[in-house]
Amino acid sequence: MAGLGALAACAVCCAGPLLALLGGVGLASAVAAVWVPALAAVAVAAVLALVLLRRRRRSASCRSGDPGPVDLGMPAVADRPGR
């Protein structure tokens, strides 16, 4: 009997969020089915933006020469006073 009561309580508690999730998925699917041309336009705009950003990045990039090794000026073990 306690198992059936727990099952009923779980069903009542979880029904709202599950229905909201399924309703959201269904609504998103319906909107996507109606707005297929808009989806194509957004995809084309995204590709154009990526191409333009890549061109801008290449032209604005700065290449510096190889600086070579950098001396950090750290003392060696033999340089400690008292040795």
PDB file of N, CA and C in Angstrom:
ATOM      1  N   MET A   1       0.814  -1.201   0.000  1.00  0.00           N
ATOM      2  CA  MET A   1       0.000   0.000   0.000  1.00  0.00           C
ATOM      3  C   MET A   1       0.853   1.259   0.000  1.00  0.00           C
ATOM      4  N   ALA A   2       1.945   1.221   0.789  1.00  0.00           N
ATOM      5  CA  ALA A   2       2.798   2.404   0.861  1.00  0.00           C
ATOM      6  C   ALA A   2       3.462   2.661  -0.484  1.00  0.00           C
ATOM      7  N   GLY A   3       3.788   1.598  -1.219  1.00  0.00           N
ATOM      8  CA  GLY A   3       4.400   1.744  -2.536  1.00  0.00           C
ATOM      9  C   GLY A   3       3.464   2.426  -3.520  1.00  0.00           C
ATOM     10  N   LEU A   4       2.180   2.082  -3.464  1.00  0.00           N
ATOM     11  CA  LEU A   4       1.205   2.718  -4.359  1.00  0.00           C
ATOM     12  C   LEU A   4       1.016   4.191  -4.009  1.00  0.00           C
ATOM     13  N   GLY A   5       1.036   4.468  -2.711  1.00  0.00           N
ATOM     14  CA  GLY A   5       0.927   5.880  -2.289  1.00  0.00           C
ATOM     15  C   GLY A   5       2.128   6.685  -2.759  1.00  0.00           C
ATOM     16  N   ALA A   6       3.325   6.119  -2.668  1.00  0.00           N
ATOM     17  CA  ALA A   6       4.529   6.806  -3.136  1.00  0.00           C
ATOM     18  C   ALA A   6       4.489   6.989  -4.641  1.00  0.00           C
ATOM     19  N   LEU A   7       3.998   5.989  -5.342  1.00  0.00           N
ATOM     20  CA  LEU A   7       3.879   6.093  -6.789  1.00  0.00           C
ATOM     21  C   LEU A   7       2.914   7.208  -7.186  1.00  0.00           C
ATOM     22  N   ALA A   8       1.797   7.300  -6.504  1.00  0.00           N
ATOM     23  CA  ALA A   8       0.819   8.349  -6.804  1.00  0.00           C
ATOM     24  C   ALA A   8       1.380   9.723  -6.470  1.00  0.00           C
ATOM     25  N   ALA A   9       2.081   9.843  -5.354  1.00  0.00           N
ATOM     26  CA  ALA A   9       2.663  11.128  -4.978  1.00  0.00           C
ATOM     27  C   ALA A   9       3.721  11.567  -5.982  1.00  0.00           C
ATOM     28  N   CYS A  10       4.522  10.635  -6.442  1.00  0.00           N
ATOM     29  CA  CYS A  10       5.554  10.953  -7.431  1.00  0.00           C
ATOM     30  C   CYS A  10       4.914  11.392  -8.748  1.00  0.00           C
ATOM     31  N   ALA A  11       3.856  10.709  -9.149  1.00  0.00           N
ATOM     32  CA  ALA A  11       3.186  11.059 -10.400  1.00  0.00           C
ATOM     33  C   ALA A  11       2.588  12.462 -10.326  1.00  0.00           C
ATOM     34  N   VAL A  12       1.987  12.797  -9.192  1.00  0.00           N
ATOM     35  CA  VAL A  12       1.388  14.128  -9.035  1.00  0.00           C
ATOM     36  C   VAL A  12       2.473  15.199  -8.992  1.00  0.00           C
ATOM     37  N   CYS A  13       3.564  14.912  -8.325  1.00  0.00           N
ATOM     38  CA  CYS A  13       4.640  15.889  -8.159  1.00  0.00           C
ATOM     39  C   CYS A  13       5.365  16.153  -9.475  1.00  0.00           C
ATOM     40  N   CYS A  14       5.610  15.114 -10.242  1.00  0.00           N
ATOM     41  CA  CYS A  14       6.438  15.245 -11.452  1.00  0.00           C
ATOM     42  C   CYS A  14       5.631  15.538 -12.706  1.00  0.00           C
ATOM     43  N   ALA A  15       4.330  15.490 -12.637  1.00  0.00           N
ATOM     44  CA  ALA A  15       3.519  15.662 -13.841  1.00  0.00           C
ATOM     45  C   ALA A  15       3.668  17.068 -14.420  1.00  0.00           C
ATOM     46  N   GLY A  16       3.670  18.079 -13.592  1.00  0.00           N
ATOM     47  CA  GLY A  16       3.766  19.456 -14.092  1.00  0.00           C
ATOM     48  C   GLY A  16       5.057  19.742 -14.833  1.00  0.00           C
ATOM     49  N   PRO A  17       6.212  19.492 -14.234  1.00  0.00           N
ATOM     50  CA  PRO A  17       7.457  19.743 -14.958  1.00  0.00           C
ATOM     51  C   PRO A  17       7.614  18.913 -16.227  1.00  0.00           C
ATOM     52  N   LEU A  18       7.164  17.655 -16.192  1.00  0.00           N
ATOM     53  CA  LEU A  18       7.270  16.830 -17.393  1.00  0.00           C
ATOM     54  C   LEU A  18       6.370  17.352 -18.503  1.00  0.00           C
ATOM     55  N   LEU A  19       5.176  17.752 -18.161  1.00  0.00           N
ATOM     56  CA  LEU A  19       4.284  18.310 -19.178  1.00  0.00           C
ATOM     57  C   LEU A  19       4.819  19.638 -19.716  1.00  0.00           C
ATOM     58  N   ALA A  20       5.421  20.438 -18.857  1.00  0.00           N
ATOM     59  CA  ALA A  20       6.011  21.699 -19.310  1.00  0.00           C
ATOM     60  C   ALA A  20       7.167  21.439 -20.270  1.00  0.00           C
ATOM     61  N   LEU A  21       7.995  20.460 -19.956  1.00  0.00           N
ATOM     62  CA  LEU A  21       9.116  20.117 -20.829  1.00  0.00           C
ATOM     63  C   LEU A  21       8.624  19.622 -22.181  1.00  0.00           C
ATOM     64  N   LEU A  22       7.668  18.708 -22.156  1.00  0.00           N
ATOM     65  CA  LEU A  22       7.133  18.186 -23.415  1.00  0.00           C
ATOM     66  C   LEU A  22       6.418  19.267 -24.212  1.00  0.00           C
ATOM     67  N   GLY A  23       5.717  20.159 -23.530  1.00  0.00           N
ATOM     68  CA  GLY A  23       5.061  21.266 -24.221  1.00  0.00           C
ATOM     69  C   GLY A  23       6.067  22.217 -24.839  1.00  0.00           C
ATOM     70  N   GLY A  24       7.166  22.481 -24.144  1.00  0.00           N
ATOM     71  CA  GLY A  24       8.200  23.349 -24.702  1.00  0.00           C
ATOM     72  C   GLY A  24       8.854  22.749 -25.938  1.00  0.00           C
ATOM     73  N   VAL A  25       9.106  21.457 -25.895  1.00  0.00           N
ATOM     74  CA  VAL A  25       9.685  20.781 -27.057  1.00  0.00           C
ATOM     75  C   VAL A  25       8.704  20.816 -28.224  1.00  0.00           C
ATOM     76  N   GLY A  26       7.445  20.566 -27.940  1.00  0.00           N
ATOM     77  CA  GLY A  26       6.439  20.602 -29.001  1.00  0.00           C
ATOM     78  C   GLY A  26       6.275  21.988 -29.592  1.00  0.00           C
ATOM     79  N   LEU A  27       6.284  23.016 -28.738  1.00  0.00           N
ATOM     80  CA  LEU A  27       6.170  24.388 -29.234  1.00  0.00           C
ATOM     81  C   LEU A  27       7.374  24.762 -30.080  1.00  0.00           C
ATOM     82  N   ALA A  28       8.572  24.387 -29.644  1.00  0.00           N
ATOM     83  CA  ALA A  28       9.769  24.674 -30.426  1.00  0.00           C
ATOM     84  C   ALA A  28       9.729  23.964 -31.773  1.00  0.00           C
ATOM     85  N   SER A  29       9.211  22.748 -31.809  1.00  0.00           N
ATOM     86  CA  SER A  29       9.092  22.016 -33.063  1.00  0.00           C
ATOM     87  C   SER A  29       8.090  22.677 -33.997  1.00  0.00           C
ATOM     88  N   ALA A  30       6.983  23.138 -33.451  1.00  0.00           N
ATOM     89  CA  ALA A  30       5.976  23.805 -34.278  1.00  0.00           C
ATOM     90  C   ALA A  30       6.511  25.107 -34.849  1.00  0.00           C
ATOM     91  N   VAL A  31       7.209  25.880 -34.029  1.00  0.00           N
ATOM     92  CA  VAL A  31       7.786  27.142 -34.515  1.00  0.00           C
ATOM     93  C   VAL A  31       8.840  26.864 -35.579  1.00  0.00           C
ATOM     94  N   ALA A  32       9.670  25.846 -35.376  1.00  0.00           N
ATOM     95  CA  ALA A  32      10.703  25.516 -36.356  1.00  0.00           C
ATOM     96  C   ALA A  32      10.094  25.049 -37.671  1.00  0.00           C
ATOM     97  N   ALA A  33       8.954  24.342 -37.616  1.00  0.00           N
ATOM     98  CA  ALA A  33       8.316  23.871 -38.836  1.00  0.00           C
ATOM     99  C   ALA A  33       7.727  25.025 -39.630  1.00  0.00           C
ATOM    100  N   VAL A  34       7.232  26.037 -38.938  1.00  0.00           N
ATOM    101  CA  VAL A  34       6.621  27.169 -39.624  1.00  0.00           C
ATOM    102  C   VAL A  34       7.686  28.121 -40.166  1.00  0.00           C
ATOM    103  N   TRP A  35       8.789  28.273 -39.458  1.00  0.00           N
ATOM    104  CA  TRP A  35       9.806  29.271 -39.802  1.00  0.00           C
ATOM    105  C   TRP A  35      11.020  28.684 -40.507  1.00  0.00           C
ATOM    106  N   VAL A  36      10.809  27.704 -41.380  1.00  0.00           N
ATOM    107  CA  VAL A  36      11.936  27.110 -42.096  1.00  0.00           C
ATOM    108  C   VAL A  36      12.642  28.135 -42.974  1.00  0.00           C
ATOM    109  N   PRO A  37      11.945  29.013 -43.701  1.00  0.00           N
ATOM    110  CA  PRO A  37      12.674  30.020 -44.484  1.00  0.00           C
ATOM    111  C   PRO A  37      13.486  30.972 -43.600  1.00  0.00           C
ATOM    112  N   ALA A  38      12.962  31.305 -42.458  1.00  0.00           N
ATOM    113  CA  ALA A  38      13.713  32.174 -41.556  1.00  0.00           C
ATOM    114  C   ALA A  38      14.943  31.444 -41.028  1.00  0.00           C
ATOM    115  N   LEU A  39      14.828  30.148 -40.793  1.00  0.00           N
ATOM    116  CA  LEU A  39      15.975  29.370 -40.350  1.00  0.00           C
ATOM    117  C   LEU A  39      17.062  29.362 -41.414  1.00  0.00           C
ATOM    118  N   ALA A  40      16.682  29.253 -42.672  1.00  0.00           N
ATOM    119  CA  ALA A  40      17.662  29.296 -43.754  1.00  0.00           C
ATOM    120  C   ALA A  40      18.336  30.666 -43.816  1.00  0.00           C
ATOM    121  N   ALA A  41      17.572  31.730 -43.619  1.00  0.00           N
ATOM    122  CA  ALA A  41      18.151  33.073 -43.632  1.00  0.00           C
ATOM    123  C   ALA A  41      19.120  33.269 -42.474  1.00  0.00           C
ATOM    124  N   VAL A  42      18.779  32.743 -41.308  1.00  0.00           N
ATOM    125  CA  VAL A  42      19.681  32.845 -40.159  1.00  0.00           C
ATOM    126  C   VAL A  42      20.954  32.047 -40.413  1.00  0.00           C
ATOM    127  N   ALA A  43      20.849  30.889 -41.037  1.00  0.00           N
ATOM    128  CA  ALA A  43      22.029  30.078 -41.342  1.00  0.00           C
ATOM    129  C   ALA A  43      22.946  30.794 -42.329  1.00  0.00           C
ATOM    130  N   VAL A  44      22.367  31.424 -43.345  1.00  0.00           N
ATOM    131  CA  VAL A  44      23.166  32.175 -44.323  1.00  0.00           C
ATOM    132  C   VAL A  44      23.837  33.363 -43.643  1.00  0.00           C
ATOM    133  N   ALA A  45      23.123  34.069 -42.779  1.00  0.00           N
ATOM    134  CA  ALA A  45      23.707  35.203 -42.066  1.00  0.00           C
ATOM    135  C   ALA A  45      24.851  34.751 -41.161  1.00  0.00           C
ATOM    136  N   ALA A  46      24.705  33.601 -40.518  1.00  0.00           N
ATOM    137  CA  ALA A  46      25.766  33.091 -39.646  1.00  0.00           C
ATOM    138  C   ALA A  46      27.010  32.736 -40.451  1.00  0.00           C
ATOM    139  N   VAL A  47      26.830  32.124 -41.611  1.00  0.00           N
ATOM    140  CA  VAL A  47      27.984  31.777 -42.450  1.00  0.00           C
ATOM    141  C   VAL A  47      28.679  33.036 -42.946  1.00  0.00           C
ATOM    142  N   LEU A  48      27.918  34.031 -43.364  1.00  0.00           N
ATOM    143  CA  LEU A  48      28.522  35.294 -43.811  1.00  0.00           C
ATOM    144  C   LEU A  48      29.271  35.985 -42.684  1.00  0.00           C
ATOM    145  N   ALA A  49      28.719  35.963 -41.496  1.00  0.00           N
ATOM    146  CA  ALA A  49      29.394  36.586 -40.358  1.00  0.00           C
ATOM    147  C   ALA A  49      30.707  35.870 -40.055  1.00  0.00           C
ATOM    148  N   LEU A  50      30.708  34.557 -40.119  1.00  0.00           N
ATOM    149  CA  LEU A  50      31.947  33.818 -39.875  1.00  0.00           C
ATOM    150  C   LEU A  50      32.998  34.135 -40.921  1.00  0.00           C
ATOM    151  N   VAL A  51      32.592  34.232 -42.178  1.00  0.00           N
ATOM    152  CA  VAL A  51      33.548  34.546 -43.245  1.00  0.00           C
ATOM    153  C   VAL A  51      34.109  35.942 -43.058  1.00  0.00           C
ATOM    154  N   LEU A  52      33.257  36.911 -42.748  1.00  0.00           N
ATOM    155  CA  LEU A  52      33.734  38.281 -42.570  1.00  0.00           C
ATOM    156  C   LEU A  52      34.627  38.412 -41.349  1.00  0.00           C
ATOM    157  N   LEU A  53      34.291  37.744 -40.261  1.00  0.00           N
ATOM    158  CA  LEU A  53      35.138  37.807 -39.069  1.00  0.00           C
ATOM    159  C   LEU A  53      36.486  37.158 -39.306  1.00  0.00           C
ATOM    160  N   ARG A  54      36.509  36.080 -40.065  1.00  0.00           N
ATOM    161  CA  ARG A  54      37.783  35.409 -40.343  1.00  0.00           C
ATOM    162  C   ARG A  54      38.674  36.298 -41.194  1.00  0.00           C
ATOM    163  N   ARG A  55      38.097  36.988 -42.181  1.00  0.00           N
ATOM    164  CA  ARG A  55      38.883  37.904 -43.012  1.00  0.00           C
ATOM    165  C   ARG A  55      39.417  39.061 -42.185  1.00  0.00           C
ATOM    166  N   ARG A  56      38.598  39.600 -41.301  1.00  0.00           N
ATOM    167  CA  ARG A  56      39.013  40.727 -40.475  1.00  0.00           C
ATOM    168  C   ARG A  56      40.142  40.313 -39.542  1.00  0.00           C
ATOM    169  N   ARG A  57      40.037  39.115 -38.984  1.00  0.00           N
ATOM    170  CA  ARG A  57      41.062  38.631 -38.070  1.00  0.00           C
ATOM    171  C   ARG A  57      42.398  38.445 -38.788  1.00  0.00           C
ATOM    172  N   ARG A  58      42.366  37.940 -40.005  1.00  0.00           N
ATOM    173  CA  ARG A  58      43.602  37.723 -40.750  1.00  0.00           C
ATOM    174  C   ARG A  58      44.267  39.037 -41.104  1.00  0.00           C
ATOM    175  N   SER A  59      43.493  40.045 -41.500  1.00  0.00           N
ATOM    176  CA  SER A  59      44.090  41.312 -41.900  1.00  0.00           C
ATOM    177  C   SER A  59      44.585  42.106 -40.699  1.00  0.00           C
ATOM    178  N   ALA A  60      43.984  41.903 -39.544  1.00  0.00           N
ATOM    179  CA  ALA A  60      44.372  42.670 -38.369  1.00  0.00           C
ATOM    180  C   ALA A  60      45.431  41.959 -37.529  1.00  0.00           C
ATOM    181  N   SER A  61      45.790  40.760 -37.916  1.00  0.00           N
ATOM    182  CA  SER A  61      46.744  40.033 -37.092  1.00  0.00           C
ATOM    183  C   SER A  61      48.138  40.616 -37.258  1.00  0.00           C
ATOM    184  N   CYS A  62      48.892  40.524 -36.220  1.00  0.00           N
ATOM    185  CA  CYS A  62      50.249  41.059 -36.208  1.00  0.00           C
ATOM    186  C   CYS A  62      51.190  39.916 -35.888  1.00  0.00           C
ATOM    187  N   ARG A  63      52.182  39.747 -36.724  1.00  0.00           N
ATOM    188  CA  ARG A  63      53.161  38.694 -36.476  1.00  0.00           C
ATOM    189  C   ARG A  63      54.464  39.340 -36.039  1.00  0.00           C
ATOM    190  N   SER A  64      54.966  38.888 -34.948  1.00  0.00           N
ATOM    191  CA  SER A  64      56.245  39.402 -34.480  1.00  0.00           C
ATOM    192  C   SER A  64      57.318  38.364 -34.753  1.00  0.00           C
ATOM    193  N   GLY A  65      58.547  38.823 -34.839  1.00  0.00           N
ATOM    194  CA  GLY A  65      59.654  37.914 -35.074  1.00  0.00           C
ATOM    195  C   GLY A  65      59.916  37.062 -33.850  1.00  0.00           C
ATOM    196  N   ASP A  66      60.699  36.043 -34.022  1.00  0.00           N
ATOM    197  CA  ASP A  66      61.039  35.154 -32.920  1.00  0.00           C
ATOM    198  C   ASP A  66      61.974  35.890 -31.971  1.00  0.00           C
ATOM    199  N   PRO A  67      61.569  36.146 -30.726  1.00  0.00           N
ATOM    200  CA  PRO A  67      62.422  36.920 -29.830  1.00  0.00           C
ATOM    201  C   PRO A  67      63.616  36.120 -29.325  1.00  0.00           C
ATOM    202  N   GLY A  68      63.600  34.820 -29.482  1.00  0.00           N
ATOM    203  CA  GLY A  68      64.701  34.005 -28.986  1.00  0.00           C
ATOM    204  C   GLY A  68      64.579  33.778 -27.502  1.00  0.00           C
ATOM    205  N   PRO A  69      65.620  33.229 -26.893  1.00  0.00           N
ATOM    206  CA  PRO A  69      65.556  32.960 -25.454  1.00  0.00           C
ATOM    207  C   PRO A  69      65.539  34.250 -24.648  1.00  0.00           C
ATOM    208  N   VAL A  70      64.832  34.221 -23.558  1.00  0.00           N
ATOM    209  CA  VAL A  70      64.697  35.394 -22.695  1.00  0.00           C
ATOM    210  C   VAL A  70      65.410  35.106 -21.382  1.00  0.00           C
ATOM    211  N   ASP A  71      66.313  35.994 -20.979  1.00  0.00           N
ATOM    212  CA  ASP A  71      67.033  35.835 -19.720  1.00  0.00           C
ATOM    213  C   ASP A  71      66.180  36.392 -18.593  1.00  0.00           C
ATOM    214  N   LEU A  72      65.833  35.552 -17.640  1.00  0.00           N
ATOM    215  CA  LEU A  72      64.994  35.984 -16.533  1.00  0.00           C
ATOM    216  C   LEU A  72      65.798  36.529 -15.363  1.00  0.00           C
ATOM    217  N   GLY A  73      67.122  36.391 -15.389  1.00  0.00           N
ATOM    218  CA  GLY A  73      67.937  36.931 -14.337  1.00  0.00           C
ATOM    219  C   GLY A  73      67.805  36.205 -13.024  1.00  0.00           C
ATOM    220  N   MET A  74      67.500  34.934 -13.058  1.00  0.00           N
ATOM    221  CA  MET A  74      67.355  34.177 -11.821  1.00  0.00           C
ATOM    222  C   MET A  74      68.723  33.674 -11.383  1.00  0.00           C
ATOM    223  N   PRO A  75      69.025  33.743 -10.106  1.00  0.00           N
ATOM    224  CA  PRO A  75      70.350  33.298  -9.639  1.00  0.00           C
ATOM    225  C   PRO A  75      70.482  31.782  -9.695  1.00  0.00           C
ATOM    226  N   ALA A  76      71.675  31.338  -9.956  1.00  0.00           N
ATOM    227  CA  ALA A  76      71.954  29.916  -9.945  1.00  0.00           C
ATOM    228  C   ALA A  76      72.207  29.469  -8.507  1.00  0.00           C
ATOM    229  N   VAL A  77      72.261  28.189  -8.278  1.00  0.00           N
ATOM    230  CA  VAL A  77      72.447  27.668  -6.932  1.00  0.00           C
ATOM    231  C   VAL A  77      73.821  28.077  -6.388  1.00  0.00           C
ATOM    232  N   ALA A  78      74.833  28.126  -7.242  1.00  0.00           N
ATOM    233  CA  ALA A  78      76.197  28.455  -6.810  1.00  0.00           C
ATOM    234  C   ALA A  78      76.346  29.935  -6.493  1.00  0.00           C
ATOM    235  N   ASP A  79      75.395  30.790  -6.909  1.00  0.00           N
ATOM    236  CA  ASP A  79      75.505  32.230  -6.681  1.00  0.00           C
ATOM    237  C   ASP A  79      75.015  32.662  -5.311  1.00  0.00           C
ATOM    238  N   ARG A  80      74.523  31.744  -4.485  1.00  0.00           N
ATOM    239  CA  ARG A  80      74.002  32.125  -3.180  1.00  0.00           C
ATOM    240  C   ARG A  80      75.146  32.543  -2.251  1.00  0.00           C
ATOM    241  N   PRO A  81      74.924  33.597  -1.489  1.00  0.00           N
ATOM    242  CA  PRO A  81      75.970  34.004  -0.542  1.00  0.00           C
ATOM    243  C   PRO A  81      76.123  32.990   0.570  1.00  0.00           C
ATOM    244  N   GLY A  82      77.342  32.857   1.085  1.00  0.00           N
ATOM    245  CA  GLY A  82      77.587  31.943   2.188  1.00  0.00           C
ATOM    246  C   GLY A  82      78.081  30.585   1.752  1.00  0.00           C
ATOM    247  N   ARG A  83      78.318  30.400   0.500  1.00  0.00           N
ATOM    248  CA  ARG A  83      78.816  29.091   0.024  1.00  0.00           C
ATOM    249  C   ARG A  83      80.243  29.215  -0.371  1.00  0.00           C
TER     250      ARG A  83
END
